[in-house]
N, C-alpha and C. Protein backbone atom coordinates (compact mmCIF):
# COMPACT_ATOMS: atom_id res chain seq x y z
N UNK A 1 0.85 -1.19 0.00
CA UNK A 1 0.00 0.00 0.00
C UNK A 1 0.89 1.24 0.00
N UNK A 2 0.58 2.15 -0.86
CA UNK A 2 1.36 3.39 -0.95
C UNK A 2 0.74 4.46 -0.05
N UNK A 3 1.53 5.44 0.29
CA UNK A 3 1.05 6.53 1.15
C UNK A 3 0.42 7.65 0.35
N UNK A 4 0.66 7.68 -0.97
CA UNK A 4 0.15 8.77 -1.80
C UNK A 4 -1.24 8.40 -2.33
N UNK A 5 -2.19 9.31 -2.14
CA UNK A 5 -3.58 9.06 -2.52
C UNK A 5 -4.03 10.01 -3.62
N UNK A 6 -4.89 9.49 -4.48
CA UNK A 6 -5.57 10.30 -5.49
C UNK A 6 -6.92 10.69 -4.89
N UNK A 7 -7.27 11.96 -4.99
CA UNK A 7 -8.56 12.45 -4.51
C UNK A 7 -9.27 13.09 -5.69
N UNK A 8 -10.37 12.49 -6.12
CA UNK A 8 -11.09 12.98 -7.28
C UNK A 8 -12.47 13.50 -6.93
N UNK A 9 -13.10 14.15 -7.89
CA UNK A 9 -14.44 14.73 -7.78
C UNK A 9 -14.48 15.83 -6.72
N UNK A 10 -13.37 16.58 -6.63
CA UNK A 10 -13.29 17.68 -5.66
C UNK A 10 -14.12 18.86 -6.15
N UNK A 11 -14.74 19.59 -5.21
CA UNK A 11 -15.35 20.86 -5.61
C UNK A 11 -14.23 21.80 -6.08
N UNK A 12 -14.50 22.62 -7.07
CA UNK A 12 -13.47 23.51 -7.60
C UNK A 12 -13.02 24.55 -6.58
N UNK A 13 -13.83 24.76 -5.56
CA UNK A 13 -13.49 25.74 -4.53
C UNK A 13 -12.54 25.18 -3.47
N UNK A 14 -12.31 23.87 -3.47
CA UNK A 14 -11.48 23.24 -2.44
C UNK A 14 -10.01 23.62 -2.61
N UNK A 15 -9.38 23.93 -1.49
CA UNK A 15 -7.97 24.28 -1.50
C UNK A 15 -7.15 23.32 -0.67
N UNK A 16 -5.84 23.54 -0.66
CA UNK A 16 -4.94 22.68 0.08
C UNK A 16 -5.29 22.62 1.57
N UNK A 17 -5.61 23.78 2.15
CA UNK A 17 -5.92 23.82 3.59
C UNK A 17 -7.16 23.00 3.91
N UNK A 18 -8.18 23.06 3.04
CA UNK A 18 -9.40 22.28 3.26
C UNK A 18 -9.08 20.79 3.32
N UNK A 19 -8.25 20.34 2.37
CA UNK A 19 -7.92 18.91 2.33
C UNK A 19 -6.98 18.52 3.47
N UNK A 20 -6.10 19.43 3.86
CA UNK A 20 -5.21 19.18 5.00
C UNK A 20 -6.05 18.87 6.24
N UNK A 21 -7.07 19.68 6.47
CA UNK A 21 -7.94 19.49 7.63
C UNK A 21 -8.76 18.21 7.51
N UNK A 22 -9.35 17.98 6.34
CA UNK A 22 -10.19 16.80 6.14
C UNK A 22 -9.39 15.51 6.31
N UNK A 23 -8.26 15.41 5.63
CA UNK A 23 -7.47 14.18 5.69
C UNK A 23 -6.73 14.05 7.03
N UNK A 24 -6.54 15.16 7.72
CA UNK A 24 -5.94 15.12 9.05
C UNK A 24 -6.79 14.34 10.04
N UNK A 25 -8.09 14.24 9.76
CA UNK A 25 -8.97 13.45 10.63
C UNK A 25 -8.73 11.95 10.48
N UNK A 26 -7.99 11.56 9.43
CA UNK A 26 -7.72 10.13 9.18
C UNK A 26 -6.29 9.75 9.55
N UNK A 27 -5.45 10.75 9.85
CA UNK A 27 -4.06 10.46 10.19
C UNK A 27 -3.17 11.64 9.86
N UNK A 28 -1.87 11.39 9.88
CA UNK A 28 -0.89 12.44 9.61
C UNK A 28 -0.81 12.73 8.12
N UNK A 29 -0.91 14.00 7.76
CA UNK A 29 -0.82 14.42 6.36
C UNK A 29 0.56 15.00 6.10
N UNK A 30 1.28 14.42 5.15
CA UNK A 30 2.62 14.90 4.79
C UNK A 30 2.55 16.06 3.80
N UNK A 31 1.70 15.92 2.77
CA UNK A 31 1.58 16.97 1.76
C UNK A 31 0.24 16.89 1.05
N UNK A 32 -0.18 18.04 0.51
CA UNK A 32 -1.41 18.13 -0.27
C UNK A 32 -1.09 18.94 -1.52
N UNK A 33 -1.52 18.41 -2.67
CA UNK A 33 -1.26 19.11 -3.93
C UNK A 33 -2.54 19.11 -4.77
N UNK A 34 -3.26 20.24 -4.74
CA UNK A 34 -4.46 20.40 -5.57
C UNK A 34 -3.98 20.76 -6.97
N UNK A 35 -4.41 19.99 -7.96
CA UNK A 35 -3.99 20.23 -9.33
C UNK A 35 -4.78 21.40 -9.91
N UNK A 36 -4.05 22.33 -10.54
CA UNK A 36 -4.66 23.55 -11.07
C UNK A 36 -4.35 23.72 -12.55
N UNK A 37 -5.25 24.40 -13.24
CA UNK A 37 -5.05 24.74 -14.64
C UNK A 37 -3.91 25.76 -14.71
N UNK A 38 -2.92 25.50 -15.55
CA UNK A 38 -1.76 26.39 -15.62
C UNK A 38 -2.12 27.78 -16.12
N UNK A 39 -3.06 27.87 -17.03
CA UNK A 39 -3.41 29.16 -17.62
C UNK A 39 -4.26 30.01 -16.68
N UNK A 40 -5.23 29.39 -16.01
CA UNK A 40 -6.18 30.16 -15.20
C UNK A 40 -5.92 30.08 -13.70
N UNK A 41 -5.20 29.06 -13.25
CA UNK A 41 -4.97 28.87 -11.82
C UNK A 41 -6.15 28.24 -11.11
N UNK A 42 -7.20 27.93 -11.86
CA UNK A 42 -8.41 27.33 -11.28
C UNK A 42 -8.17 25.85 -10.99
N UNK A 43 -8.72 25.37 -9.87
CA UNK A 43 -8.59 23.96 -9.51
C UNK A 43 -9.21 23.09 -10.60
N UNK A 44 -8.60 21.93 -10.84
CA UNK A 44 -9.08 21.03 -11.90
C UNK A 44 -9.99 19.93 -11.38
N UNK A 45 -10.26 19.91 -10.08
CA UNK A 45 -11.20 18.94 -9.53
C UNK A 45 -10.55 17.67 -9.00
N UNK A 46 -9.23 17.65 -8.89
CA UNK A 46 -8.58 16.50 -8.26
C UNK A 46 -7.29 16.94 -7.58
N UNK A 47 -6.81 16.07 -6.68
CA UNK A 47 -5.62 16.41 -5.91
C UNK A 47 -4.88 15.13 -5.53
N UNK A 48 -3.68 15.30 -5.02
CA UNK A 48 -2.91 14.20 -4.46
C UNK A 48 -2.59 14.55 -3.02
N UNK A 49 -2.81 13.59 -2.13
CA UNK A 49 -2.53 13.77 -0.71
C UNK A 49 -1.58 12.66 -0.29
N UNK A 50 -0.48 13.04 0.35
CA UNK A 50 0.46 12.04 0.86
C UNK A 50 0.29 11.95 2.37
N UNK A 51 0.00 10.75 2.83
CA UNK A 51 -0.22 10.50 4.25
C UNK A 51 1.09 10.09 4.92
N UNK A 52 1.11 10.14 6.26
CA UNK A 52 2.33 9.86 7.02
C UNK A 52 2.74 8.40 7.02
N UNK A 53 1.79 7.49 6.85
CA UNK A 53 2.11 6.06 6.85
C UNK A 53 1.12 5.30 5.97
N UNK A 54 1.46 4.06 5.67
CA UNK A 54 0.55 3.21 4.90
C UNK A 54 -0.77 3.04 5.64
N UNK A 55 -0.68 2.90 6.95
CA UNK A 55 -1.88 2.72 7.77
C UNK A 55 -2.78 3.96 7.71
N UNK A 56 -2.17 5.14 7.78
CA UNK A 56 -2.95 6.38 7.67
C UNK A 56 -3.62 6.48 6.30
N UNK A 57 -2.91 6.07 5.26
CA UNK A 57 -3.46 6.12 3.90
C UNK A 57 -4.66 5.18 3.78
N UNK A 58 -4.51 3.97 4.31
CA UNK A 58 -5.61 2.99 4.26
C UNK A 58 -6.81 3.52 5.03
N UNK A 59 -6.56 4.11 6.18
CA UNK A 59 -7.62 4.68 7.00
C UNK A 59 -8.35 5.80 6.25
N UNK A 60 -7.59 6.65 5.56
CA UNK A 60 -8.18 7.75 4.80
C UNK A 60 -9.07 7.22 3.67
N UNK A 61 -8.62 6.17 2.99
CA UNK A 61 -9.44 5.58 1.92
C UNK A 61 -10.75 5.06 2.49
N UNK A 62 -10.66 4.31 3.58
CA UNK A 62 -11.87 3.73 4.18
C UNK A 62 -12.82 4.81 4.69
N UNK A 63 -12.26 5.85 5.27
CA UNK A 63 -13.08 6.88 5.90
C UNK A 63 -13.63 7.90 4.90
N UNK A 64 -12.84 8.23 3.87
CA UNK A 64 -13.20 9.38 3.03
C UNK A 64 -13.63 9.04 1.61
N UNK A 65 -13.44 7.80 1.15
CA UNK A 65 -13.92 7.46 -0.19
C UNK A 65 -15.44 7.53 -0.18
N UNK A 66 -16.00 8.24 -1.12
CA UNK A 66 -17.45 8.46 -1.24
C UNK A 66 -17.99 9.40 -0.17
N UNK A 67 -17.11 10.11 0.51
CA UNK A 67 -17.49 11.08 1.54
C UNK A 67 -18.03 12.34 0.85
N UNK A 68 -19.14 12.87 1.36
CA UNK A 68 -19.74 14.08 0.78
C UNK A 68 -18.96 15.30 1.27
N UNK A 69 -18.38 16.03 0.32
CA UNK A 69 -17.53 17.18 0.64
C UNK A 69 -17.87 18.31 -0.33
N UNK A 70 -18.41 19.39 0.19
CA UNK A 70 -18.78 20.52 -0.68
C UNK A 70 -19.86 20.14 -1.68
N UNK A 71 -20.74 19.23 -1.30
CA UNK A 71 -21.83 18.82 -2.19
C UNK A 71 -21.44 17.77 -3.22
N UNK A 72 -20.22 17.23 -3.12
CA UNK A 72 -19.77 16.20 -4.07
C UNK A 72 -19.23 15.01 -3.30
N UNK A 73 -19.42 13.82 -3.86
CA UNK A 73 -18.88 12.61 -3.23
C UNK A 73 -17.46 12.38 -3.72
N UNK A 74 -16.52 12.41 -2.79
CA UNK A 74 -15.11 12.26 -3.14
C UNK A 74 -14.78 10.85 -3.60
N UNK A 75 -13.82 10.75 -4.49
CA UNK A 75 -13.22 9.48 -4.87
C UNK A 75 -11.82 9.49 -4.27
N UNK A 76 -11.55 8.55 -3.38
CA UNK A 76 -10.23 8.48 -2.74
C UNK A 76 -9.69 7.08 -2.94
N UNK A 77 -8.53 6.99 -3.59
CA UNK A 77 -7.88 5.69 -3.75
C UNK A 77 -6.37 5.87 -3.86
N UNK A 78 -5.68 4.75 -3.91
CA UNK A 78 -4.23 4.79 -4.01
C UNK A 78 -3.82 5.42 -5.33
N UNK A 79 -2.91 6.38 -5.26
CA UNK A 79 -2.43 7.02 -6.49
C UNK A 79 -1.60 6.02 -7.28
N UNK A 80 -1.81 6.00 -8.58
CA UNK A 80 -1.04 5.11 -9.45
C UNK A 80 -0.25 5.97 -10.43
N UNK A 81 0.91 5.51 -10.84
CA UNK A 81 1.69 6.28 -11.82
C UNK A 81 0.89 6.46 -13.10
N UNK A 82 1.06 7.61 -13.73
CA UNK A 82 0.38 7.89 -14.99
C UNK A 82 0.83 6.87 -16.03
N UNK A 83 -0.15 6.24 -16.67
CA UNK A 83 0.19 5.24 -17.68
C UNK A 83 0.70 5.93 -18.93
N UNK A 84 1.76 5.39 -19.47
CA UNK A 84 2.31 5.95 -20.70
C UNK A 84 1.53 5.38 -21.88
N UNK A 85 1.09 6.26 -22.74
CA UNK A 85 0.41 5.78 -23.94
C UNK A 85 1.49 5.41 -24.94
N UNK A 86 1.20 4.46 -25.80
CA UNK A 86 2.16 3.99 -26.78
C UNK A 86 2.70 5.10 -27.65
N UNK A 87 1.96 6.15 -27.80
CA UNK A 87 2.42 7.33 -28.52
C UNK A 87 2.77 7.03 -29.96
N UNK A 88 1.93 7.32 -30.83
CA UNK A 88 2.07 7.02 -32.25
C UNK A 88 3.37 7.43 -32.89
N UNK A 89 3.41 7.40 -34.14
CA UNK A 89 4.60 7.61 -34.95
C UNK A 89 5.35 8.90 -34.68
N UNK A 90 6.06 9.34 -35.59
CA UNK A 90 6.95 10.46 -35.35
C UNK A 90 6.51 11.77 -35.93
N UNK A 91 5.53 12.38 -35.41
CA UNK A 91 5.28 13.76 -35.77
C UNK A 91 4.63 14.04 -37.09
N UNK A 92 5.22 14.15 -38.09
CA UNK A 92 4.81 14.54 -39.44
C UNK A 92 3.35 14.33 -39.80
N UNK A 93 2.39 14.68 -38.98
CA UNK A 93 0.99 14.40 -39.25
C UNK A 93 0.50 14.98 -40.56
N UNK A 94 -0.70 14.64 -40.91
CA UNK A 94 -1.31 15.19 -42.12
C UNK A 94 -0.93 14.43 -43.37
N UNK A 95 -1.60 14.77 -44.43
CA UNK A 95 -1.34 14.11 -45.71
C UNK A 95 -0.18 14.75 -46.43
N UNK A 96 -0.11 14.51 -47.69
CA UNK A 96 1.02 15.00 -48.47
C UNK A 96 0.85 16.43 -48.96
N UNK A 97 -0.21 17.08 -48.60
CA UNK A 97 -0.40 18.46 -49.04
C UNK A 97 -1.18 18.51 -50.34
N UNK A 98 -1.69 19.65 -50.65
CA UNK A 98 -2.59 19.80 -51.79
C UNK A 98 -1.92 19.75 -53.14
N UNK A 99 -0.85 20.40 -53.32
CA UNK A 99 -0.25 20.44 -54.65
C UNK A 99 -1.09 21.28 -55.59
N UNK A 100 -0.75 21.25 -56.86
CA UNK A 100 -1.49 22.07 -57.81
C UNK A 100 -2.04 21.25 -58.95
N UNK A 101 -2.17 19.99 -58.76
CA UNK A 101 -2.77 19.18 -59.82
C UNK A 101 -1.73 18.50 -60.69
N UNK A 102 -0.50 18.74 -60.45
CA UNK A 102 0.56 18.02 -61.14
C UNK A 102 0.75 18.46 -62.59
N UNK A 103 1.45 17.71 -63.33
CA UNK A 103 1.73 17.85 -64.77
C UNK A 103 1.61 19.22 -65.41
N UNK A 104 1.84 19.20 -66.69
CA UNK A 104 1.81 20.43 -67.47
C UNK A 104 0.39 20.77 -67.86
N UNK A 105 0.05 22.02 -67.78
CA UNK A 105 -1.30 22.44 -68.13
C UNK A 105 -1.33 23.00 -69.53
N UNK A 106 -2.25 22.51 -70.26
CA UNK A 106 -2.45 23.02 -71.62
C UNK A 106 -3.41 24.21 -71.55
N UNK A 107 -3.15 25.23 -72.30
CA UNK A 107 -4.08 26.37 -72.31
C UNK A 107 -5.43 25.96 -72.88
N UNK A 108 -6.48 26.59 -72.38
CA UNK A 108 -7.82 26.31 -72.89
C UNK A 108 -8.18 27.35 -73.93
N UNK A 109 -8.22 27.01 -75.20
CA UNK A 109 -8.53 27.95 -76.28
C UNK A 109 -9.93 27.84 -76.64
């Protein structure tokens, strides 16, 4: 069991301090990171919380998964590394371009 938890379905108004207090009721909180949109700074609706021990993390999952917070039911589970997508070929997207119809054009008399 890992100590780092994924917290989803967060209200957009939730901040680090809110989660620090909420998860503190389940054990020691090492860190809280609410994910934000880089352009606007607005919360994206999920966060990562690192608990002090595996036991604290398990307790937080049991206590807070599906917990109603700010009118939304939280999703709390063990954080997993982001899966790498196979990532297609090498860049050069698109077709070969329009061109001009090729060959020599005869004048229309």
